[in-house]
Structure formats: structure tokens, C-alpha cells
Amino acid sequence: MPANRHRATVVTIDQLPAAPPREFVLSQADFQTLTRLAYEHAGISLSEGKQNLIYSRLARRLRALGLESFRHYCNYLAATPGEVENFINAISTNHTKFFREAHHFEHFRTHVAVPFARAAARKAGGRLRVWSAGCSSGEEPYTIAMILKSEVENIGGNDVRVLATDIDTDVLAKAANAQFSAGAIDEVPKPYRGFFTGSADVGANGKLVIDNEVQTLIAFRRLNLLGPWPFHGLFDAIFCRNVMIYFDAPTKAALIDRFIQQIKAGGWLYVGHSESLIGTHSGLQLVGRTIYRRET
């Protein structure tokens, strides 16, 4: 048998097929313009390695507008202020689920919901405020509201509200619709599944709807975290999870200081599992895994 019978075929780089040409031209100058706008308008910091992300997220927008290149899109953004909202919607990353990072919600249940329920049982008319900052498609604020509805027996006799904000108007509309796919409840603990009605047949593409009494606890609003915060009063708890990973260190530090000023003494701040606070933030104490308390 010849010794070279199973010799591998060698393919040089020159012989490799060329990558298919892109539909739109994205120059370095265009990329830098778009990353600058993302930072200026939403605090989103995009590295050089995010060119493919920018292309894939915005190519659909270029098609919808009938534009031929990203240079044309940059010019369109400059001439059409209303397009900035569509631009931010397109590049925002929205990934969430019910009871994501479950230890946060168990802590919220035992340290916020249960103590409030005990106080409400003694005297109605209590006030509780929770902010879901960067709420995406709504799973987080609905989880918060389900826990409150489960623990506070006379919730209607108290002033309980969940503020849910996001910069992306598309996901806010989806969140306010309160409809989710049947598979969305796969990781929802059984005691809370009663808050969903509708078909749970995944094979039939069933839709589940959040209980109306849970919905009424939540106010969905568009808010840019880097802009003004047009609300008054302090929060008992703020959830801002997996949002700050898109901000640079100075932006993140400034945002944390603003959160501290919006949390009541003894209140709580929950951040994402991959996020860590940079520097010293007066009045904030780490008490658990990505759980902070506003000191009295």
C-alpha cells in the first residue's frame, strides 16, 4: 500500500472562497460616528470589535428606509432627530426571563415583600415603591409584581407601585402587552404560575397573559438613564441588572451615585451577576451576591 494514500489535501489561503460582499458599506468613519451617537444618546460604549453587531442590528433599518450605505444612514440620523429613537432601539440588547438570577428575588421576597406584608397586616395604607431600571420586555417587573401580589394579602389597601423603565420603545410596547410565549414560564416556580392564563401548549405556539391584578401594579415608561429622572420620592428597592455592562467606568460610577440618592435609607439595590461596582460609593454596603443596601 502506498505510504501517501491518505495524505490530506492542502488548501492555501488563496484557494479559500472569498467572503460574500456585504449588502451595505460600513466604513470606519461611519462606525465611529455611530458609536459616538450611541454613547452620547444612551451611554452605550461599543468597542472596535462591535462592527459586526452594528452592521447586523442596523442593516434592517437601512432596508426599511431604502438607504444604500451606512454613510447615508449617518446623514439621515443627523437630519432626522426622530430617528435616534429607532437607532437606539436597534442597537439595544434585550435578553431577560422570569425569575432571572433567582437569588435576587428570594432576597426581595424575604427582605422587602414579607416585611411590608407584615406591616400592612397591622395597618393598611402603607407605601412601597420598586424601580425596574432597564426592564426590557417586562419579565423582571412582572416577577417583582407577582411576588408582591403573593405576599401582600390586602395589596389593594396599600399604595404599592412598580416603575418599569427602558430606553427601547419597542420592548416597552411588548412588555405593556403582557403576553408571553408558553415556554416563557419554564423557570417560573409553580406557586406563581397561577398568575398566567391562556394556552400553555408550546407545540401550538400558545400565548400566556399576565393576570390583570399583577399588571395594574406596574407603570411602564420610557426613560434614558443618562437623562433627567422625572419622578419624586424614594424607592424601597431598585433593580438595575445587566444594563451597566454596556457603560464605561465613569458612566457606571455616576449612575450608581444617582441610584443611591433615589433609594430610601435601608433600601436595596440589585445589579447584574456580571456587574461590579467600581470605586467607593458612600452610603452603599454590599450585603450579598450583587445585592447592596443603602445605609441609614
Protein backbone atom coordinates (compact mmCIF):
# COMPACT_ATOMS: atom_id res chain seq x y z
CA MET A 1 0.00 0.00 0.00
CA PRO A 2 1.47 3.41 -0.94
CA ALA A 3 2.57 5.39 2.12
CA ASN A 4 0.85 8.57 0.95
CA ARG A 5 -2.52 7.04 0.18
CA HIS A 6 -4.32 9.04 2.95
CA ARG A 7 -2.33 12.26 2.61
CA ALA A 8 -4.51 15.31 3.46
CA THR A 9 -5.21 17.84 0.76
CA VAL A 10 -3.52 21.16 1.50
CA VAL A 11 -5.57 24.30 0.73
CA THR A 12 -3.78 27.62 0.66
CA ILE A 13 -5.37 30.90 1.76
CA ASP A 14 -5.51 31.98 -1.88
CA GLN A 15 -7.69 28.97 -2.67
CA LEU A 16 -10.27 29.69 0.03
CA PRO A 17 -13.58 31.10 -1.24
CA ALA A 18 -13.90 34.85 -0.79
CA ALA A 19 -16.37 36.10 1.79
CA PRO A 20 -19.60 37.28 0.16
CA PRO A 21 -19.74 41.05 -0.25
CA ARG A 22 -21.84 42.92 2.28
CA GLU A 23 -25.08 44.46 1.19
CA PHE A 24 -24.11 47.85 2.65
CA VAL A 25 -20.78 49.63 3.04
CA LEU A 26 -19.80 50.33 6.66
CA SER A 27 -16.66 52.43 6.70
CA GLN A 28 -14.51 53.03 9.76
CA ALA A 29 -15.65 56.65 9.80
CA ASP A 30 -19.31 55.58 9.74
CA PHE A 31 -18.72 53.10 12.54
CA GLN A 32 -17.06 55.77 14.68
CA THR A 33 -19.96 58.15 14.04
CA LEU A 34 -22.49 55.53 15.11
CA THR A 35 -20.57 54.51 18.22
CA ARG A 36 -20.25 58.17 19.21
CA LEU A 37 -24.01 58.65 18.84
CA ALA A 38 -24.70 55.50 20.87
CA TYR A 39 -22.53 56.85 23.67
CA GLU A 40 -23.89 60.38 23.54
CA HIS A 41 -27.56 59.40 23.50
CA ALA A 42 -27.62 56.25 25.63
CA GLY A 43 -24.23 55.84 27.30
CA ILE A 44 -23.67 52.62 25.33
CA SER A 45 -19.94 52.04 24.90
CA LEU A 46 -19.11 49.98 21.81
CA SER A 47 -15.58 48.72 21.17
CA GLU A 48 -13.89 48.24 17.80
CA GLY A 49 -14.90 44.60 17.91
CA LYS A 50 -18.59 45.50 17.66
CA GLN A 51 -18.62 46.36 13.97
CA ASN A 52 -20.47 43.17 13.06
CA LEU A 53 -23.03 43.88 15.77
CA ILE A 54 -23.63 47.41 14.45
CA TYR A 55 -23.96 46.08 10.91
CA SER A 56 -26.38 43.27 11.75
CA ARG A 57 -28.55 45.41 14.03
CA LEU A 58 -28.86 48.34 11.62
CA ALA A 59 -28.93 46.66 8.20
CA ARG A 60 -32.67 46.04 8.59
CA ARG A 61 -33.18 49.74 9.33
CA LEU A 62 -31.29 50.72 6.18
CA ARG A 63 -33.51 48.41 4.11
CA ALA A 64 -36.67 49.86 5.66
CA LEU A 65 -35.53 53.39 4.82
CA GLY A 66 -34.33 52.49 1.33
CA LEU A 67 -30.79 53.68 2.02
CA GLU A 68 -27.75 52.48 0.11
CA SER A 69 -24.99 52.73 2.73
CA PHE A 70 -24.23 53.50 6.35
CA ARG A 71 -22.92 56.89 5.25
CA HIS A 72 -26.42 57.68 4.01
CA TYR A 73 -27.81 56.45 7.33
CA CYS A 74 -25.44 58.68 9.31
CA ASN A 75 -26.60 61.64 7.21
CA TYR A 76 -30.22 60.64 7.79
CA LEU A 77 -29.65 60.49 11.55
CA ALA A 78 -28.16 63.97 11.50
CA ALA A 79 -31.10 65.36 9.54
CA THR A 80 -33.88 63.45 11.33
CA PRO A 81 -33.80 63.77 15.14
CA GLY A 82 -36.72 61.36 15.49
CA GLU A 83 -34.62 58.56 14.02
CA VAL A 84 -32.40 58.49 17.11
CA GLU A 85 -35.07 56.52 18.98
CA ASN A 86 -35.14 53.86 16.23
CA PHE A 87 -31.34 53.80 16.23
CA ILE A 88 -31.15 53.18 19.99
CA ASN A 89 -33.92 50.56 19.77
CA ALA A 90 -31.95 48.71 17.09
CA ILE A 91 -28.62 48.57 18.91
CA SER A 92 -30.01 47.86 22.39
CA THR A 93 -29.56 44.32 23.64
CA ASN A 94 -32.63 42.85 25.32
CA HIS A 95 -32.32 39.43 26.91
CA THR A 96 -34.25 38.53 30.01
CA LYS A 97 -36.56 35.96 31.56
CA PHE A 98 -38.83 35.50 34.55
CA PHE A 99 -37.01 34.97 37.87
CA ARG A 100 -33.63 35.52 36.24
CA GLU A 101 -30.92 35.38 38.93
CA ALA A 102 -33.39 33.84 41.35
CA HIS A 103 -31.40 34.73 44.49
CA HIS A 104 -32.29 38.38 43.94
CA PHE A 105 -35.99 37.64 44.01
CA GLU A 106 -35.75 35.42 47.07
CA HIS A 107 -33.91 38.23 48.84
CA PHE A 108 -36.52 40.72 47.64
CA ARG A 109 -39.30 38.47 48.89
CA THR A 110 -37.83 37.98 52.37
CA HIS A 111 -36.37 41.47 52.91
CA VAL A 112 -38.89 43.69 51.14
CA ALA A 113 -42.19 41.97 50.35
CA VAL A 114 -42.62 39.96 53.57
CA PRO A 115 -41.75 42.83 55.98
CA PHE A 116 -44.09 45.13 54.07
CA ALA A 117 -46.85 42.48 54.20
CA ARG A 118 -46.46 42.16 57.96
CA ALA A 119 -46.69 45.92 58.41
CA ALA A 120 -49.70 46.07 56.08
CA ALA A 121 -51.43 43.36 58.08
CA ARG A 122 -51.20 45.57 61.16
CA LYS A 123 -52.17 48.79 59.41
CA ALA A 124 -53.32 49.39 55.83
CA GLY A 125 -52.20 52.35 53.78
CA GLY A 126 -48.51 51.58 53.56
CA ARG A 127 -46.39 52.84 50.66
CA LEU A 128 -43.97 50.71 48.66
CA ARG A 129 -42.05 51.70 45.54
CA VAL A 130 -39.83 49.47 43.39
CA TRP A 131 -37.99 50.52 40.23
CA SER A 132 -37.05 48.10 37.47
CA ALA A 133 -34.49 50.17 35.53
CA GLY A 134 -33.82 48.66 32.12
CA CYS A 135 -36.90 46.43 32.27
CA SER A 136 -36.62 45.15 28.68
CA SER A 137 -39.68 43.10 27.66
CA GLY A 138 -41.15 43.07 31.16
CA GLU A 139 -40.21 39.78 32.74
CA GLU A 140 -38.37 41.47 35.62
CA PRO A 141 -41.11 43.90 36.74
CA TYR A 142 -43.78 41.22 36.32
CA THR A 143 -41.73 38.91 38.54
CA ILE A 144 -41.48 41.66 41.16
CA ALA A 145 -45.22 42.34 40.96
CA MET A 146 -46.11 38.63 41.24
CA ILE A 147 -44.05 38.35 44.41
CA LEU A 148 -45.73 41.41 45.91
CA LYS A 149 -49.19 40.15 44.93
CA SER A 150 -48.42 36.78 46.51
CA GLU A 151 -47.10 38.14 49.81
CA VAL A 152 -49.27 41.21 50.47
CA GLU A 153 -52.74 39.93 51.24
CA ASN A 154 -54.52 43.30 51.11
CA ILE A 155 -52.40 44.82 48.37
CA GLY A 156 -55.28 46.97 47.13
CA GLY A 157 -55.49 48.68 50.52
CA ASN A 158 -51.91 49.89 50.20
CA ASP A 159 -50.01 52.20 47.89
CA VAL A 160 -47.85 49.67 46.03
CA ARG A 161 -46.32 50.50 42.65
CA VAL A 162 -43.58 49.14 40.40
CA LEU A 163 -41.98 51.58 37.97
CA ALA A 164 -40.59 49.80 34.90
CA THR A 165 -38.43 51.85 32.53
CA ASP A 166 -36.36 51.25 29.42
CA ILE A 167 -34.88 53.33 26.65
CA ASP A 168 -36.19 50.94 23.97
CA THR A 169 -39.78 51.78 23.00
CA ASP A 170 -40.22 48.52 21.09
CA VAL A 171 -39.61 46.30 24.10
CA LEU A 172 -41.70 48.60 26.30
CA ALA A 173 -44.67 48.10 23.98
CA LYS A 174 -44.14 44.35 24.16
CA ALA A 175 -43.89 44.48 27.95
CA ALA A 176 -47.08 46.51 28.34
CA ASN A 177 -48.91 43.99 26.15
CA ALA A 178 -48.35 41.40 28.95
CA GLN A 179 -48.33 38.43 26.56
CA PHE A 180 -45.62 35.80 26.56
CA SER A 181 -44.90 32.53 24.83
CA ALA A 182 -45.84 29.34 26.60
CA GLY A 183 -42.18 28.44 27.06
CA ALA A 184 -41.53 31.65 28.99
CA ILE A 185 -42.77 30.10 32.22
CA ASP A 186 -40.40 27.13 32.14
CA GLU A 187 -38.37 28.55 35.02
CA VAL A 188 -41.26 30.20 36.88
CA PRO A 189 -41.78 28.49 40.27
CA LYS A 190 -45.09 26.62 40.44
CA PRO A 191 -46.65 28.88 43.11
CA TYR A 192 -46.51 31.78 40.64
CA ARG A 193 -47.79 30.04 37.53
CA GLY A 194 -51.35 30.81 38.53
CA PHE A 195 -50.72 34.41 37.50
CA PHE A 196 -50.65 33.32 33.85
CA THR A 197 -53.74 32.50 31.83
CA GLY A 198 -54.09 31.12 28.32
CA SER A 199 -52.71 28.19 26.37
CA ALA A 200 -49.58 26.53 27.70
CA ASP A 201 -49.28 24.27 24.66
CA VAL A 202 -45.84 25.08 23.30
CA GLY A 203 -46.47 22.96 20.23
CA ALA A 204 -49.47 25.12 19.35
CA ASN A 205 -47.49 28.33 19.86
CA GLY A 206 -49.67 29.13 22.82
CA LYS A 207 -49.76 32.56 24.40
CA LEU A 208 -49.91 33.32 28.10
CA VAL A 209 -51.26 36.54 29.56
CA ILE A 210 -50.26 38.05 32.91
CA ASP A 211 -53.05 38.39 35.47
CA ASN A 212 -54.67 41.84 35.29
CA GLU A 213 -54.20 42.50 39.02
CA VAL A 214 -50.46 42.00 38.55
CA GLN A 215 -50.44 44.28 35.51
CA THR A 216 -52.11 47.12 37.41
CA LEU A 217 -49.20 47.29 39.87
CA ILE A 218 -46.77 48.30 37.11
CA ALA A 219 -46.27 51.57 35.25
CA PHE A 220 -44.19 51.24 32.07
CA ARG A 221 -42.33 54.39 31.00
CA ARG A 222 -39.58 55.27 28.52
CA LEU A 223 -36.54 56.63 30.32
CA ASN A 224 -32.95 57.27 29.33
CA LEU A 225 -30.90 56.52 32.45
CA LEU A 226 -28.43 59.21 31.45
CA GLY A 227 -31.11 61.89 31.16
CA PRO A 228 -33.40 63.55 33.73
CA TRP A 229 -35.39 61.32 36.08
CA PRO A 230 -38.83 62.95 36.20
CA PHE A 231 -40.15 61.35 39.36
CA HIS A 232 -40.25 62.25 43.03
CA GLY A 233 -39.92 60.20 46.17
CA LEU A 234 -37.55 57.41 47.13
CA PHE A 235 -37.60 53.72 46.26
CA ASP A 236 -37.58 50.79 48.64
CA ALA A 237 -35.66 48.79 46.04
CA ILE A 238 -34.07 49.37 42.64
CA PHE A 239 -33.27 46.62 40.16
CA CYS A 240 -30.71 47.61 37.52
CA ARG A 241 -29.36 44.33 36.22
CA ASN A 242 -27.28 43.58 33.15
CA VAL A 243 -27.63 47.17 31.96
CA MET A 244 -24.42 48.76 33.19
CA ILE A 245 -22.27 46.23 31.34
CA TYR A 246 -22.77 48.46 28.29
CA PHE A 247 -21.46 51.57 30.07
CA ASP A 248 -17.89 52.66 30.61
CA ALA A 249 -16.50 53.04 34.15
CA PRO A 250 -17.18 56.79 34.62
CA THR A 251 -20.76 56.44 33.36
CA LYS A 252 -21.38 53.45 35.60
CA ALA A 253 -19.95 55.20 38.68
CA ALA A 254 -22.07 58.30 38.10
CA LEU A 255 -25.19 56.19 37.62
CA ILE A 256 -24.63 54.29 40.86
CA ASP A 257 -24.30 57.56 42.77
CA ARG A 258 -27.62 58.70 41.30
CA PHE A 259 -29.26 55.43 42.32
CA ILE A 260 -28.03 55.88 45.89
CA GLN A 261 -29.81 59.22 46.08
CA GLN A 262 -33.07 57.57 44.95
CA ILE A 263 -33.07 54.72 47.49
CA LYS A 264 -34.59 55.25 50.91
CA ALA A 265 -32.46 54.54 53.98
CA GLY A 266 -32.30 50.79 54.46
CA GLY A 267 -33.43 50.16 50.87
CA TRP A 268 -31.86 47.84 48.33
CA LEU A 269 -30.00 47.92 45.01
CA TYR A 270 -29.79 44.77 42.86
CA VAL A 271 -27.26 44.66 40.00
CA GLY A 272 -26.44 42.01 37.41
CA HIS A 273 -24.35 38.92 38.12
CA SER A 274 -21.58 40.08 35.77
CA GLU A 275 -21.51 43.64 37.07
CA SER A 276 -19.35 45.03 39.83
CA LEU A 277 -19.27 48.50 41.32
CA ILE A 278 -16.12 50.48 40.65
CA GLY A 279 -14.71 52.77 43.31
CA THR A 280 -16.18 53.78 46.65
CA HIS A 281 -19.83 54.76 46.84
CA SER A 282 -20.65 56.44 50.11
CA GLY A 283 -23.75 55.06 51.80
CA LEU A 284 -23.85 51.74 49.92
CA GLN A 285 -22.95 48.43 51.55
CA LEU A 286 -22.51 45.05 49.87
CA VAL A 287 -24.68 42.54 51.75
CA GLY A 288 -24.95 39.61 49.33
CA ARG A 289 -24.07 38.44 45.87
CA THR A 290 -24.65 41.58 43.75
CA ILE A 291 -27.01 42.93 46.43
CA TYR A 292 -26.36 46.31 48.07
CA ARG A 293 -28.08 48.18 50.90
CA ARG A 294 -28.42 51.92 51.33
CA GLU A 295 -27.06 52.59 54.78
CA THR A 296 -29.13 54.59 57.25
